[in-house]
Amino acid sequence: MNDTFRYTLIPVILGANLKARKWSDRFLRRYRVRSVVMSDTFHPAMLFPFSLRFCHLRKNNGYTDFILSDLIRFSQEHPDKLLVLIGATPHYSAMIRENSALLESYYILSDPELSFLNREGLATP
């Protein structure tokens, strides 16, 4: 397997839940990369995982500006990386879709089913 993704890819998963944990585990198995899970809440599925790094988002109280600024700051901290943005909850998926024009300049935006990864052999959870 080509190690290109191992050194360049950072999956950024919004939402701390079991689905996010499954995605991070699959990215680790398939591409040997650790994911970054960002959320303003914590879920027990985030305890002791090797496959992910958890980052707290600022409490947004329904305002997406805080989330967007955190995402842009993260992308600017990793200018040489290939960042894939994934929404693990319906709320975050909708926020990504609504702000896709802004986020596309910083991230590769995934569709809810991550179909772009299916060709690479990573089945959906």
PDB file of N, CA and C in Angstrom:
ATOM      1  N   MET A   1       0.848  -1.183   0.000  1.00  0.00           N
ATOM      2  CA  MET A   1       0.000   0.000   0.000  1.00  0.00           C
ATOM      3  C   MET A   1       0.888   1.239   0.000  1.00  0.00           C
ATOM      4  N   ASN A   2       0.461   2.236  -0.714  1.00  0.00           N
ATOM      5  CA  ASN A   2       1.175   3.493  -0.785  1.00  0.00           C
ATOM      6  C   ASN A   2       1.027   4.237   0.542  1.00  0.00           C
ATOM      7  N   ASP A   3       2.132   4.755   1.076  1.00  0.00           N
ATOM      8  CA  ASP A   3       2.105   5.462   2.349  1.00  0.00           C
ATOM      9  C   ASP A   3       1.845   6.953   2.205  1.00  0.00           C
ATOM     10  N   THR A   4       1.445   7.408   1.026  1.00  0.00           N
ATOM     11  CA  THR A   4       1.216   8.832   0.822  1.00  0.00           C
ATOM     12  C   THR A   4       0.206   9.377   1.813  1.00  0.00           C
ATOM     13  N   PHE A   5      -0.926   8.696   1.976  1.00  0.00           N
ATOM     14  CA  PHE A   5      -1.945   9.164   2.906  1.00  0.00           C
ATOM     15  C   PHE A   5      -1.440   9.185   4.338  1.00  0.00           C
ATOM     16  N   ARG A   6      -0.600   8.247   4.678  1.00  0.00           N
ATOM     17  CA  ARG A   6      -0.115   8.148   6.049  1.00  0.00           C
ATOM     18  C   ARG A   6       0.565   9.430   6.505  1.00  0.00           C
ATOM     19  N   TYR A   7       1.228  10.119   5.589  1.00  0.00           N
ATOM     20  CA  TYR A   7       1.975  11.317   5.949  1.00  0.00           C
ATOM     21  C   TYR A   7       1.281  12.622   5.575  1.00  0.00           C
ATOM     22  N   THR A   8       0.197  12.540   4.830  1.00  0.00           N
ATOM     23  CA  THR A   8      -0.437  13.779   4.377  1.00  0.00           C
ATOM     24  C   THR A   8      -1.894  13.925   4.790  1.00  0.00           C
ATOM     25  N   LEU A   9      -2.584  12.851   5.081  1.00  0.00           N
ATOM     26  CA  LEU A   9      -4.029  12.894   5.321  1.00  0.00           C
ATOM     27  C   LEU A   9      -4.346  13.094   6.801  1.00  0.00           C
ATOM     28  N   ILE A  10      -5.262  14.035   7.069  1.00  0.00           N
ATOM     29  CA  ILE A  10      -5.829  14.181   8.409  1.00  0.00           C
ATOM     30  C   ILE A  10      -7.349  14.217   8.259  1.00  0.00           C
ATOM     31  N   PRO A  11      -8.038  13.147   8.646  1.00  0.00           N
ATOM     32  CA  PRO A  11      -9.495  13.194   8.673  1.00  0.00           C
ATOM     33  C   PRO A  11      -9.947  14.025   9.878  1.00  0.00           C
ATOM     34  N   VAL A  12     -10.802  14.995   9.633  1.00  0.00           N
ATOM     35  CA  VAL A  12     -11.359  15.828  10.696  1.00  0.00           C
ATOM     36  C   VAL A  12     -12.842  15.489  10.782  1.00  0.00           C
ATOM     37  N   ILE A  13     -13.236  14.897  11.904  1.00  0.00           N
ATOM     38  CA  ILE A  13     -14.605  14.422  12.077  1.00  0.00           C
ATOM     39  C   ILE A  13     -15.300  15.310  13.089  1.00  0.00           C
ATOM     40  N   LEU A  14     -16.414  15.904  12.683  1.00  0.00           N
ATOM     41  CA  LEU A  14     -17.184  16.765  13.583  1.00  0.00           C
ATOM     42  C   LEU A  14     -18.263  15.939  14.267  1.00  0.00           C
ATOM     43  N   GLY A  15     -18.267  15.963  15.585  1.00  0.00           N
ATOM     44  CA  GLY A  15     -19.264  15.236  16.351  1.00  0.00           C
ATOM     45  C   GLY A  15     -18.639  14.065  17.076  1.00  0.00           C
ATOM     46  N   ALA A  16     -18.849  14.018  18.368  1.00  0.00           N
ATOM     47  CA  ALA A  16     -18.293  12.934  19.179  1.00  0.00           C
ATOM     48  C   ALA A  16     -19.396  11.926  19.453  1.00  0.00           C
ATOM     49  N   ASN A  17     -19.394  10.847  18.704  1.00  0.00           N
ATOM     50  CA  ASN A  17     -20.372   9.786  18.908  1.00  0.00           C
ATOM     51  C   ASN A  17     -19.764   8.477  18.417  1.00  0.00           C
ATOM     52  N   LEU A  18     -20.539   7.432  18.475  1.00  0.00           N
ATOM     53  CA  LEU A  18     -20.044   6.119  18.070  1.00  0.00           C
ATOM     54  C   LEU A  18     -19.686   6.082  16.584  1.00  0.00           C
ATOM     55  N   LYS A  19     -20.445   6.798  15.771  1.00  0.00           N
ATOM     56  CA  LYS A  19     -20.152   6.840  14.335  1.00  0.00           C
ATOM     57  C   LYS A  19     -18.780   7.472  14.085  1.00  0.00           C
ATOM     58  N   ALA A  20     -18.456   8.526  14.813  1.00  0.00           N
ATOM     59  CA  ALA A  20     -17.141   9.157  14.679  1.00  0.00           C
ATOM     60  C   ALA A  20     -16.041   8.188  15.080  1.00  0.00           C
ATOM     61  N   ARG A  21     -16.270   7.435  16.144  1.00  0.00           N
ATOM     62  CA  ARG A  21     -15.275   6.455  16.594  1.00  0.00           C
ATOM     63  C   ARG A  21     -15.064   5.368  15.539  1.00  0.00           C
ATOM     64  N   LYS A  22     -16.156   4.908  14.913  1.00  0.00           N
ATOM     65  CA  LYS A  22     -16.033   3.887  13.865  1.00  0.00           C
ATOM     66  C   LYS A  22     -15.254   4.418  12.672  1.00  0.00           C
ATOM     67  N   TRP A  23     -15.543   5.665  12.272  1.00  0.00           N
ATOM     68  CA  TRP A  23     -14.810   6.241  11.153  1.00  0.00           C
ATOM     69  C   TRP A  23     -13.335   6.367  11.477  1.00  0.00           C
ATOM     70  N   SER A  24     -13.016   6.827  12.670  1.00  0.00           N
ATOM     71  CA  SER A  24     -11.602   6.983  13.015  1.00  0.00           C
ATOM     72  C   SER A  24     -10.895   5.633  13.056  1.00  0.00           C
ATOM     73  N   ASP A  25     -11.566   4.604  13.555  1.00  0.00           N
ATOM     74  CA  ASP A  25     -10.974   3.263  13.561  1.00  0.00           C
ATOM     75  C   ASP A  25     -10.713   2.772  12.140  1.00  0.00           C
ATOM     76  N   ARG A  26     -11.637   3.038  11.240  1.00  0.00           N
ATOM     77  CA  ARG A  26     -11.478   2.591   9.852  1.00  0.00           C
ATOM     78  C   ARG A  26     -10.383   3.358   9.120  1.00  0.00           C
ATOM     79  N   PHE A  27     -10.267   4.655   9.403  1.00  0.00           N
ATOM     80  CA  PHE A  27      -9.165   5.405   8.808  1.00  0.00           C
ATOM     81  C   PHE A  27      -7.826   4.867   9.297  1.00  0.00           C
ATOM     82  N   LEU A  28      -7.762   4.491  10.555  1.00  0.00           N
ATOM     83  CA  LEU A  28      -6.518   3.946  11.093  1.00  0.00           C
ATOM     84  C   LEU A  28      -6.182   2.609  10.429  1.00  0.00           C
ATOM     85  N   ARG A  29      -7.176   1.733  10.308  1.00  0.00           N
ATOM     86  CA  ARG A  29      -6.926   0.429   9.685  1.00  0.00           C
ATOM     87  C   ARG A  29      -6.556   0.553   8.209  1.00  0.00           C
ATOM     88  N   ARG A  30      -7.272   1.392   7.488  1.00  0.00           N
ATOM     89  CA  ARG A  30      -7.093   1.467   6.038  1.00  0.00           C
ATOM     90  C   ARG A  30      -5.877   2.300   5.632  1.00  0.00           C
ATOM     91  N   TYR A  31      -5.724   3.486   6.230  1.00  0.00           N
ATOM     92  CA  TYR A  31      -4.687   4.418   5.799  1.00  0.00           C
ATOM     93  C   TYR A  31      -3.581   4.626   6.831  1.00  0.00           C
ATOM     94  N   ARG A  32      -3.734   4.024   8.008  1.00  0.00           N
ATOM     95  CA  ARG A  32      -2.771   4.172   9.093  1.00  0.00           C
ATOM     96  C   ARG A  32      -2.597   5.626   9.515  1.00  0.00           C
ATOM     97  N   VAL A  33      -3.713   6.349   9.597  1.00  0.00           N
ATOM     98  CA  VAL A  33      -3.698   7.736  10.064  1.00  0.00           C
ATOM     99  C   VAL A  33      -4.660   7.878  11.233  1.00  0.00           C
ATOM    100  N   ARG A  34      -4.311   8.755  12.153  1.00  0.00           N
ATOM    101  CA  ARG A  34      -5.190   9.075  13.271  1.00  0.00           C
ATOM    102  C   ARG A  34      -6.091  10.234  12.869  1.00  0.00           C
ATOM    103  N   SER A  35      -7.349  10.147  13.226  1.00  0.00           N
ATOM    104  CA  SER A  35      -8.316  11.193  12.933  1.00  0.00           C
ATOM    105  C   SER A  35      -8.339  12.208  14.061  1.00  0.00           C
ATOM    106  N   VAL A  36      -8.846  13.380  13.740  1.00  0.00           N
ATOM    107  CA  VAL A  36      -9.106  14.408  14.738  1.00  0.00           C
ATOM    108  C   VAL A  36     -10.615  14.524  14.862  1.00  0.00           C
ATOM    109  N   VAL A  37     -11.134  14.268  16.052  1.00  0.00           N
ATOM    110  CA  VAL A  37     -12.571  14.394  16.303  1.00  0.00           C
ATOM    111  C   VAL A  37     -12.781  15.686  17.064  1.00  0.00           C
ATOM    112  N   MET A  38     -13.640  16.557  16.519  1.00  0.00           N
ATOM    113  CA  MET A  38     -13.923  17.845  17.143  1.00  0.00           C
ATOM    114  C   MET A  38     -15.393  17.894  17.540  1.00  0.00           C
ATOM    115  N   SER A  39     -15.631  18.307  18.772  1.00  0.00           N
ATOM    116  CA  SER A  39     -17.000  18.433  19.244  1.00  0.00           C
ATOM    117  C   SER A  39     -17.015  19.309  20.490  1.00  0.00           C
ATOM    118  N   ASP A  40     -18.174  19.889  20.777  1.00  0.00           N
ATOM    119  CA  ASP A  40     -18.302  20.663  22.009  1.00  0.00           C
ATOM    120  C   ASP A  40     -18.848  19.798  23.145  1.00  0.00           C
ATOM    121  N   THR A  41     -19.142  18.546  22.846  1.00  0.00           N
ATOM    122  CA  THR A  41     -19.578  17.597  23.870  1.00  0.00           C
ATOM    123  C   THR A  41     -18.650  16.383  23.843  1.00  0.00           C
ATOM    124  N   PHE A  42     -18.723  15.594  24.887  1.00  0.00           N
ATOM    125  CA  PHE A  42     -17.864  14.414  24.981  1.00  0.00           C
ATOM    126  C   PHE A  42     -18.750  13.183  25.063  1.00  0.00           C
ATOM    127  N   HIS A  43     -18.354  12.125  24.386  1.00  0.00           N
ATOM    128  CA  HIS A  43     -19.103  10.874  24.349  1.00  0.00           C
ATOM    129  C   HIS A  43     -18.205   9.769  24.897  1.00  0.00           C
ATOM    130  N   PRO A  44     -18.751   8.801  25.619  1.00  0.00           N
ATOM    131  CA  PRO A  44     -17.923   7.703  26.135  1.00  0.00           C
ATOM    132  C   PRO A  44     -17.155   6.941  25.059  1.00  0.00           C
ATOM    133  N   ALA A  45     -17.612   6.977  23.813  1.00  0.00           N
ATOM    134  CA  ALA A  45     -16.895   6.289  22.735  1.00  0.00           C
ATOM    135  C   ALA A  45     -15.525   6.919  22.477  1.00  0.00           C
ATOM    136  N   MET A  46     -15.303   8.109  22.990  1.00  0.00           N
ATOM    137  CA  MET A  46     -14.029   8.795  22.791  1.00  0.00           C
ATOM    138  C   MET A  46     -12.982   8.421  23.841  1.00  0.00           C
ATOM    139  N   LEU A  47     -13.341   7.573  24.801  1.00  0.00           N
ATOM    140  CA  LEU A  47     -12.407   7.191  25.856  1.00  0.00           C
ATOM    141  C   LEU A  47     -11.343   6.236  25.339  1.00  0.00           C
ATOM    142  N   PHE A  48     -10.108   6.528  25.610  1.00  0.00           N
ATOM    143  CA  PHE A  48      -8.948   5.675  25.350  1.00  0.00           C
ATOM    144  C   PHE A  48      -8.813   5.165  23.920  1.00  0.00           C
ATOM    145  N   PRO A  49      -9.119   5.955  22.920  1.00  0.00           N
ATOM    146  CA  PRO A  49      -8.924   5.455  21.556  1.00  0.00           C
ATOM    147  C   PRO A  49      -7.521   5.778  21.051  1.00  0.00           C
ATOM    148  N   PHE A  50      -6.925   4.842  20.368  1.00  0.00           N
ATOM    149  CA  PHE A  50      -5.653   5.113  19.712  1.00  0.00           C
ATOM    150  C   PHE A  50      -5.885   5.739  18.339  1.00  0.00           C
ATOM    151  N   SER A  51      -7.052   5.502  17.772  1.00  0.00           N
ATOM    152  CA  SER A  51      -7.322   5.904  16.394  1.00  0.00           C
ATOM    153  C   SER A  51      -7.655   7.381  16.232  1.00  0.00           C
ATOM    154  N   LEU A  52      -7.823   8.119  17.319  1.00  0.00           N
ATOM    155  CA  LEU A  52      -8.236   9.510  17.181  1.00  0.00           C
ATOM    156  C   LEU A  52      -7.597  10.404  18.219  1.00  0.00           C
ATOM    157  N   ARG A  53      -7.652  11.670  17.908  1.00  0.00           N
ATOM    158  CA  ARG A  53      -7.264  12.725  18.829  1.00  0.00           C
ATOM    159  C   ARG A  53      -8.502  13.592  19.022  1.00  0.00           C
ATOM    160  N   PHE A  54      -8.913  13.818  20.250  1.00  0.00           N
ATOM    161  CA  PHE A  54     -10.132  14.574  20.515  1.00  0.00           C
ATOM    162  C   PHE A  54      -9.784  16.030  20.783  1.00  0.00           C
ATOM    163  N   CYS A  55     -10.494  16.945  20.129  1.00  0.00           N
ATOM    164  CA  CYS A  55     -10.321  18.382  20.334  1.00  0.00           C
ATOM    165  C   CYS A  55     -11.665  18.992  20.676  1.00  0.00           C
ATOM    166  N   HIS A  56     -11.699  19.729  21.760  1.00  0.00           N
ATOM    167  CA  HIS A  56     -12.938  20.403  22.144  1.00  0.00           C
ATOM    168  C   HIS A  56     -13.149  21.635  21.274  1.00  0.00           C
ATOM    169  N   LEU A  57     -14.363  21.754  20.752  1.00  0.00           N
ATOM    170  CA  LEU A  57     -14.775  22.983  20.090  1.00  0.00           C
ATOM    171  C   LEU A  57     -15.342  23.909  21.155  1.00  0.00           C
ATOM    172  N   ARG A  58     -15.279  25.189  20.922  1.00  0.00           N
ATOM    173  CA  ARG A  58     -15.907  26.127  21.851  1.00  0.00           C
ATOM    174  C   ARG A  58     -17.419  25.910  21.825  1.00  0.00           C
ATOM    175  N   LYS A  59     -18.051  26.095  22.955  1.00  0.00           N
ATOM    176  CA  LYS A  59     -19.515  25.992  22.995  1.00  0.00           C
ATOM    177  C   LYS A  59     -20.088  26.984  21.997  1.00  0.00           C
ATOM    178  N   ASN A  60     -20.921  26.470  21.099  1.00  0.00           N
ATOM    179  CA  ASN A  60     -21.386  27.343  20.026  1.00  0.00           C
ATOM    180  C   ASN A  60     -22.769  27.923  20.262  1.00  0.00           C
ATOM    181  N   ASN A  61     -23.543  27.352  21.175  1.00  0.00           N
ATOM    182  CA  ASN A  61     -24.889  27.855  21.465  1.00  0.00           C
ATOM    183  C   ASN A  61     -25.701  28.109  20.202  1.00  0.00           C
ATOM    184  N   GLY A  62     -25.516  27.248  19.220  1.00  0.00           N
ATOM    185  CA  GLY A  62     -26.293  27.374  17.992  1.00  0.00           C
ATOM    186  C   GLY A  62     -25.657  28.261  16.940  1.00  0.00           C
ATOM    187  N   TYR A  63     -24.544  28.903  17.245  1.00  0.00           N
ATOM    188  CA  TYR A  63     -23.878  29.769  16.281  1.00  0.00           C
ATOM    189  C   TYR A  63     -22.748  29.007  15.603  1.00  0.00           C
ATOM    190  N   THR A  64     -22.801  28.941  14.298  1.00  0.00           N
ATOM    191  CA  THR A  64     -21.780  28.186  13.571  1.00  0.00           C
ATOM    192  C   THR A  64     -20.487  28.971  13.408  1.00  0.00           C
ATOM    193  N   ASP A  65     -20.501  30.270  13.702  1.00  0.00           N
ATOM    194  CA  ASP A  65     -19.287  31.073  13.542  1.00  0.00           C
ATOM    195  C   ASP A  65     -18.136  30.549  14.385  1.00  0.00           C
ATOM    196  N   PHE A  66     -18.436  30.092  15.601  1.00  0.00           N
ATOM    197  CA  PHE A  66     -17.382  29.556  16.462  1.00  0.00           C
ATOM    198  C   PHE A  66     -16.782  28.288  15.861  1.00  0.00           C
ATOM    199  N   ILE A  67     -17.633  27.418  15.363  1.00  0.00           N
ATOM    200  CA  ILE A  67     -17.157  26.175  14.758  1.00  0.00           C
ATOM    201  C   ILE A  67     -16.325  26.484  13.525  1.00  0.00           C
ATOM    202  N   LEU A  68     -16.813  27.377  12.682  1.00  0.00           N
ATOM    203  CA  LEU A  68     -16.090  27.724  11.461  1.00  0.00           C
ATOM    204  C   LEU A  68     -14.729  28.333  11.777  1.00  0.00           C
ATOM    205  N   SER A  69     -14.670  29.196  12.768  1.00  0.00           N
ATOM    206  CA  SER A  69     -13.370  29.797  13.107  1.00  0.00           C
ATOM    207  C   SER A  69     -12.414  28.747  13.667  1.00  0.00           C
ATOM    208  N   ASP A  70     -12.925  27.802  14.455  1.00  0.00           N
ATOM    209  CA  ASP A  70     -12.067  26.722  14.953  1.00  0.00           C
ATOM    210  C   ASP A  70     -11.567  25.847  13.806  1.00  0.00           C
ATOM    211  N   LEU A  71     -12.428  25.559  12.845  1.00  0.00           N
ATOM    212  CA  LEU A  71     -12.033  24.739  11.703  1.00  0.00           C
ATOM    213  C   LEU A  71     -11.002  25.456  10.830  1.00  0.00           C
ATOM    214  N   ILE A  72     -11.202  26.731  10.598  1.00  0.00           N
ATOM    215  CA  ILE A  72     -10.247  27.487   9.785  1.00  0.00           C
ATOM    216  C   ILE A  72      -8.906  27.594  10.500  1.00  0.00           C
ATOM    217  N   ARG A  73      -8.935  27.831  11.803  1.00  0.00           N
ATOM    218  CA  ARG A  73      -7.689  27.892  12.566  1.00  0.00           C
ATOM    219  C   ARG A  73      -6.939  26.555  12.498  1.00  0.00           C
ATOM    220  N   PHE A  74      -7.675  25.446  12.624  1.00  0.00           N
ATOM    221  CA  PHE A  74      -7.039  24.131  12.544  1.00  0.00           C
ATOM    222  C   PHE A  74      -6.401  23.918  11.171  1.00  0.00           C
ATOM    223  N   SER A  75      -7.100  24.299  10.118  1.00  0.00           N
ATOM    224  CA  SER A  75      -6.544  24.116   8.773  1.00  0.00           C
ATOM    225  C   SER A  75      -5.307  24.984   8.557  1.00  0.00           C
ATOM    226  N   GLN A  76      -5.284  26.160   9.146  1.00  0.00           N
ATOM    227  CA  GLN A  76      -4.120  27.022   9.002  1.00  0.00           C
ATOM    228  C   GLN A  76      -2.927  26.505   9.811  1.00  0.00           C
ATOM    229  N   GLU A  77      -3.194  25.728  10.847  1.00  0.00           N
ATOM    230  CA  GLU A  77      -2.116  25.114  11.622  1.00  0.00           C
ATOM    231  C   GLU A  77      -1.505  23.918  10.901  1.00  0.00           C
ATOM    232  N   HIS A  78      -2.182  23.408   9.882  1.00  0.00           N
ATOM    233  CA  HIS A  78      -1.722  22.249   9.117  1.00  0.00           C
ATOM    234  C   HIS A  78      -1.761  22.550   7.619  1.00  0.00           C
ATOM    235  N   PRO A  79      -0.993  23.526   7.167  1.00  0.00           N
ATOM    236  CA  PRO A  79      -1.082  23.933   5.755  1.00  0.00           C
ATOM    237  C   PRO A  79      -0.564  22.893   4.769  1.00  0.00           C
ATOM    238  N   ASP A  80       0.290  21.986   5.218  1.00  0.00           N
ATOM    239  CA  ASP A  80       0.874  21.003   4.313  1.00  0.00           C
ATOM    240  C   ASP A  80       0.140  19.670   4.320  1.00  0.00           C
ATOM    241  N   LYS A  81      -1.020  19.600   4.974  1.00  0.00           N
ATOM    242  CA  LYS A  81      -1.768  18.354   5.101  1.00  0.00           C
ATOM    243  C   LYS A  81      -3.009  18.374   4.222  1.00  0.00           C
ATOM    244  N   LEU A  82      -3.454  17.192   3.870  1.00  0.00           N
ATOM    245  CA  LEU A  82      -4.693  16.992   3.125  1.00  0.00           C
ATOM    246  C   LEU A  82      -5.791  16.752   4.163  1.00  0.00           C
ATOM    247  N   LEU A  83      -6.668  17.718   4.337  1.00  0.00           N
ATOM    248  CA  LEU A  83      -7.692  17.661   5.375  1.00  0.00           C
ATOM    249  C   LEU A  83      -9.039  17.266   4.770  1.00  0.00           C
ATOM    250  N   VAL A  84      -9.641  16.221   5.318  1.00  0.00           N
ATOM    251  CA  VAL A  84     -10.963  15.773   4.885  1.00  0.00           C
ATOM    252  C   VAL A  84     -11.928  16.051   6.021  1.00  0.00           C
ATOM    253  N   LEU A  85     -12.993  16.779   5.750  1.00  0.00           N
ATOM    254  CA  LEU A  85     -13.969  17.156   6.770  1.00  0.00           C
ATOM    255  C   LEU A  85     -15.198  16.271   6.662  1.00  0.00           C
ATOM    256  N   ILE A  86     -15.554  15.647   7.785  1.00  0.00           N
ATOM    257  CA  ILE A  86     -16.657  14.688   7.835  1.00  0.00           C
ATOM    258  C   ILE A  86     -17.592  15.085   8.969  1.00  0.00           C
ATOM    259  N   GLY A  87     -18.878  15.113   8.716  1.00  0.00           N
ATOM    260  CA  GLY A  87     -19.874  15.354   9.758  1.00  0.00           C
ATOM    261  C   GLY A  87     -20.427  14.031  10.262  1.00  0.00           C
ATOM    262  N   ALA A  88     -20.265  13.762  11.555  1.00  0.00           N
ATOM    263  CA  ALA A  88     -20.731  12.490  12.120  1.00  0.00           C
ATOM    264  C   ALA A  88     -22.130  12.582  12.698  1.00  0.00           C
ATOM    265  N   THR A  89     -22.699  13.775  12.737  1.00  0.00           N
ATOM    266  CA  THR A  89     -24.066  13.951  13.221  1.00  0.00           C
ATOM    267  C   THR A  89     -24.849  14.723  12.162  1.00  0.00           C
ATOM    268  N   PRO A  90     -26.164  14.610  12.169  1.00  0.00           N
ATOM    269  CA  PRO A  90     -26.953  15.380  11.196  1.00  0.00           C
ATOM    270  C   PRO A  90     -26.738  16.893  11.327  1.00  0.00           C
ATOM    271  N   HIS A  91     -26.564  17.373  12.563  1.00  0.00           N
ATOM    272  CA  HIS A  91     -26.337  18.806  12.789  1.00  0.00           C
ATOM    273  C   HIS A  91     -25.049  19.262  12.110  1.00  0.00           C
ATOM    274  N   TYR A  92     -23.957  18.544  12.340  1.00  0.00           N
ATOM    275  CA  TYR A  92     -22.677  18.933  11.749  1.00  0.00           C
ATOM    276  C   TYR A  92     -22.674  18.729  10.236  1.00  0.00           C
ATOM    277  N   SER A  93     -23.311  17.683   9.750  1.00  0.00           N
ATOM    278  CA  SER A  93     -23.395  17.472   8.301  1.00  0.00           C
ATOM    279  C   SER A  93     -24.137  18.623   7.632  1.00  0.00           C
ATOM    280  N   ALA A  94     -25.213  19.078   8.259  1.00  0.00           N
ATOM    281  CA  ALA A  94     -25.967  20.212   7.709  1.00  0.00           C
ATOM    282  C   ALA A  94     -25.139  21.492   7.755  1.00  0.00           C
ATOM    283  N   MET A  95     -24.387  21.684   8.837  1.00  0.00           N
ATOM    284  CA  MET A  95     -23.543  22.873   8.960  1.00  0.00           C
ATOM    285  C   MET A  95     -22.463  22.871   7.873  1.00  0.00           C
ATOM    286  N   ILE A  96     -21.871  21.720   7.592  1.00  0.00           N
ATOM    287  CA  ILE A  96     -20.871  21.619   6.531  1.00  0.00           C
ATOM    288  C   ILE A  96     -21.501  21.937   5.182  1.00  0.00           C
ATOM    289  N   ARG A  97     -22.668  21.378   4.930  1.00  0.00           N
ATOM    290  CA  ARG A  97     -23.362  21.609   3.661  1.00  0.00           C
ATOM    291  C   ARG A  97     -23.714  23.087   3.487  1.00  0.00           C
ATOM    292  N   GLU A  98     -24.206  23.731   4.541  1.00  0.00           N
ATOM    293  CA  GLU A  98     -24.612  25.137   4.456  1.00  0.00           C
ATOM    294  C   GLU A  98     -23.428  26.080   4.280  1.00  0.00           C
ATOM    295  N   ASN A  99     -22.263  25.703   4.753  1.00  0.00           N
ATOM    296  CA  ASN A  99     -21.081  26.558   4.685  1.00  0.00           C
ATOM    297  C   ASN A  99     -20.016  25.994   3.750  1.00  0.00           C
ATOM    298  N   SER A 100     -20.454  25.200   2.796  1.00  0.00           N
ATOM    299  CA  SER A 100     -19.495  24.531   1.908  1.00  0.00           C
ATOM    300  C   SER A 100     -18.673  25.518   1.094  1.00  0.00           C
ATOM    301  N   ALA A 101     -19.230  26.641   0.703  1.00  0.00           N
ATOM    302  CA  ALA A 101     -18.474  27.605  -0.101  1.00  0.00           C
ATOM    303  C   ALA A 101     -17.243  28.095   0.646  1.00  0.00           C
ATOM    304  N   LEU A 102     -17.367  28.340   1.928  1.00  0.00           N
ATOM    305  CA  LEU A 102     -16.233  28.782   2.741  1.00  0.00           C
ATOM    306  C   LEU A 102     -15.276  27.630   3.034  1.00  0.00           C
ATOM    307  N   LEU A 103     -15.823  26.491   3.423  1.00  0.00           N
ATOM    308  CA  LEU A 103     -14.996  25.371   3.877  1.00  0.00           C
ATOM    309  C   LEU A 103     -14.221  24.694   2.757  1.00  0.00           C
ATOM    310  N   GLU A 104     -14.721  24.782   1.517  1.00  0.00           N
ATOM    311  CA  GLU A 104     -14.046  24.126   0.387  1.00  0.00           C
ATOM    312  C   GLU A 104     -12.638  24.649   0.153  1.00  0.00           C
ATOM    313  N   SER A 105     -12.364  25.870   0.555  1.00  0.00           N
ATOM    314  CA  SER A 105     -11.018  26.397   0.347  1.00  0.00           C
ATOM    315  C   SER A 105     -10.019  25.870   1.378  1.00  0.00           C
ATOM    316  N   TYR A 106     -10.509  25.195   2.427  1.00  0.00           N
ATOM    317  CA  TYR A 106      -9.637  24.663   3.466  1.00  0.00           C
ATOM    318  C   TYR A 106      -9.651  23.135   3.560  1.00  0.00           C
ATOM    319  N   TYR A 107     -10.764  22.519   3.187  1.00  0.00           N
ATOM    320  CA  TYR A 107     -10.973  21.089   3.399  1.00  0.00           C
ATOM    321  C   TYR A 107     -11.510  20.419   2.139  1.00  0.00           C
ATOM    322  N   ILE A 108     -11.297  19.114   2.066  1.00  0.00           N
ATOM    323  CA  ILE A 108     -12.039  18.286   1.130  1.00  0.00           C
ATOM    324  C   ILE A 108     -13.322  17.932   1.864  1.00  0.00           C
ATOM    325  N   LEU A 109     -14.444  18.297   1.309  1.00  0.00           N
ATOM    326  CA  LEU A 109     -15.724  18.050   1.976  1.00  0.00           C
ATOM    327  C   LEU A 109     -16.277  16.717   1.518  1.00  0.00           C
ATOM    328  N   SER A 110     -16.702  15.943   2.470  1.00  0.00           N
ATOM    329  CA  SER A 110     -17.254  14.632   2.138  1.00  0.00           C
ATOM    330  C   SER A 110     -18.763  14.711   2.031  1.00  0.00           C
ATOM    331  N   ASP A 111     -19.311  13.827   1.238  1.00  0.00           N
ATOM    332  CA  ASP A 111     -20.749  13.661   1.242  1.00  0.00           C
ATOM    333  C   ASP A 111     -21.094  12.813   2.468  1.00  0.00           C
ATOM    334  N   PRO A 112     -22.359  12.783   2.881  1.00  0.00           N
ATOM    335  CA  PRO A 112     -22.701  12.058   4.111  1.00  0.00           C
ATOM    336  C   PRO A 112     -22.319  10.587   4.103  1.00  0.00           C
ATOM    337  N   GLU A 113     -22.262   9.970   2.942  1.00  0.00           N
ATOM    338  CA  GLU A 113     -21.921   8.549   2.866  1.00  0.00           C
ATOM    339  C   GLU A 113     -20.444   8.308   2.587  1.00  0.00           C
ATOM    340  N   LEU A 114     -19.666   9.371   2.423  1.00  0.00           N
ATOM    341  CA  LEU A 114     -18.238   9.263   2.129  1.00  0.00           C
ATOM    342  C   LEU A 114     -17.978   8.375   0.922  1.00  0.00           C
ATOM    343  N   SER A 115     -18.750   8.561  -0.124  1.00  0.00           N
ATOM    344  CA  SER A 115     -18.628   7.698  -1.296  1.00  0.00           C
ATOM    345  C   SER A 115     -17.262   7.818  -1.965  1.00  0.00           C
ATOM    346  N   PHE A 116     -16.579   8.949  -1.782  1.00  0.00           N
ATOM    347  CA  PHE A 116     -15.266   9.073  -2.404  1.00  0.00           C
ATOM    348  C   PHE A 116     -14.266   8.078  -1.816  1.00  0.00           C
ATOM    349  N   LEU A 117     -14.521   7.574  -0.613  1.00  0.00           N
ATOM    350  CA  LEU A 117     -13.630   6.591  -0.018  1.00  0.00           C
ATOM    351  C   LEU A 117     -13.987   5.163  -0.406  1.00  0.00           C
ATOM    352  N   ASN A 118     -15.183   4.928  -0.901  1.00  0.00           N
ATOM    353  CA  ASN A 118     -15.587   3.576  -1.270  1.00  0.00           C
ATOM    354  C   ASN A 118     -14.714   3.004  -2.369  1.00  0.00           C
ATOM    355  N   ARG A 119     -14.245   3.852  -3.285  1.00  0.00           N
ATOM    356  CA  ARG A 119     -13.370   3.346  -4.333  1.00  0.00           C
ATOM    357  C   ARG A 119     -12.030   2.914  -3.773  1.00  0.00           C
ATOM    358  N   GLU A 120     -11.689   3.420  -2.599  1.00  0.00           N
ATOM    359  CA  GLU A 120     -10.421   3.057  -1.977  1.00  0.00           C
ATOM    360  C   GLU A 120     -10.555   1.846  -1.077  1.00  0.00           C
ATOM    361  N   GLY A 121     -11.753   1.268  -0.992  1.00  0.00           N
ATOM    362  CA  GLY A 121     -11.924   0.058  -0.199  1.00  0.00           C
ATOM    363  C   GLY A 121     -12.336   0.304   1.236  1.00  0.00           C
ATOM    364  N   LEU A 122     -12.766   1.518   1.560  1.00  0.00           N
ATOM    365  CA  LEU A 122     -13.203   1.814   2.916  1.00  0.00           C
ATOM    366  C   LEU A 122     -14.719   1.851   2.916  1.00  0.00           C
ATOM    367  N   ALA A 123     -15.350   0.794   3.376  1.00  0.00           N
ATOM    368  CA  ALA A 123     -16.810   0.704   3.350  1.00  0.00           C
ATOM    369  C   ALA A 123     -17.403   1.610   4.402  1.00  0.00           C
ATOM    370  N   THR A 124     -18.630   2.041   4.174  1.00  0.00           N
ATOM    371  CA  THR A 124     -19.313   2.906   5.130  1.00  0.00           C
ATOM    372  C   THR A 124     -19.721   2.115   6.364  1.00  0.00           C
ATOM    373  N   PRO A 125     -19.721   2.768   7.537  1.00  0.00           N
ATOM    374  CA  PRO A 125     -20.102   2.038   8.747  1.00  0.00           C
ATOM    375  C   PRO A 125     -21.587   1.782   8.808  1.00  0.00           C
TER     376      PRO A 125
END
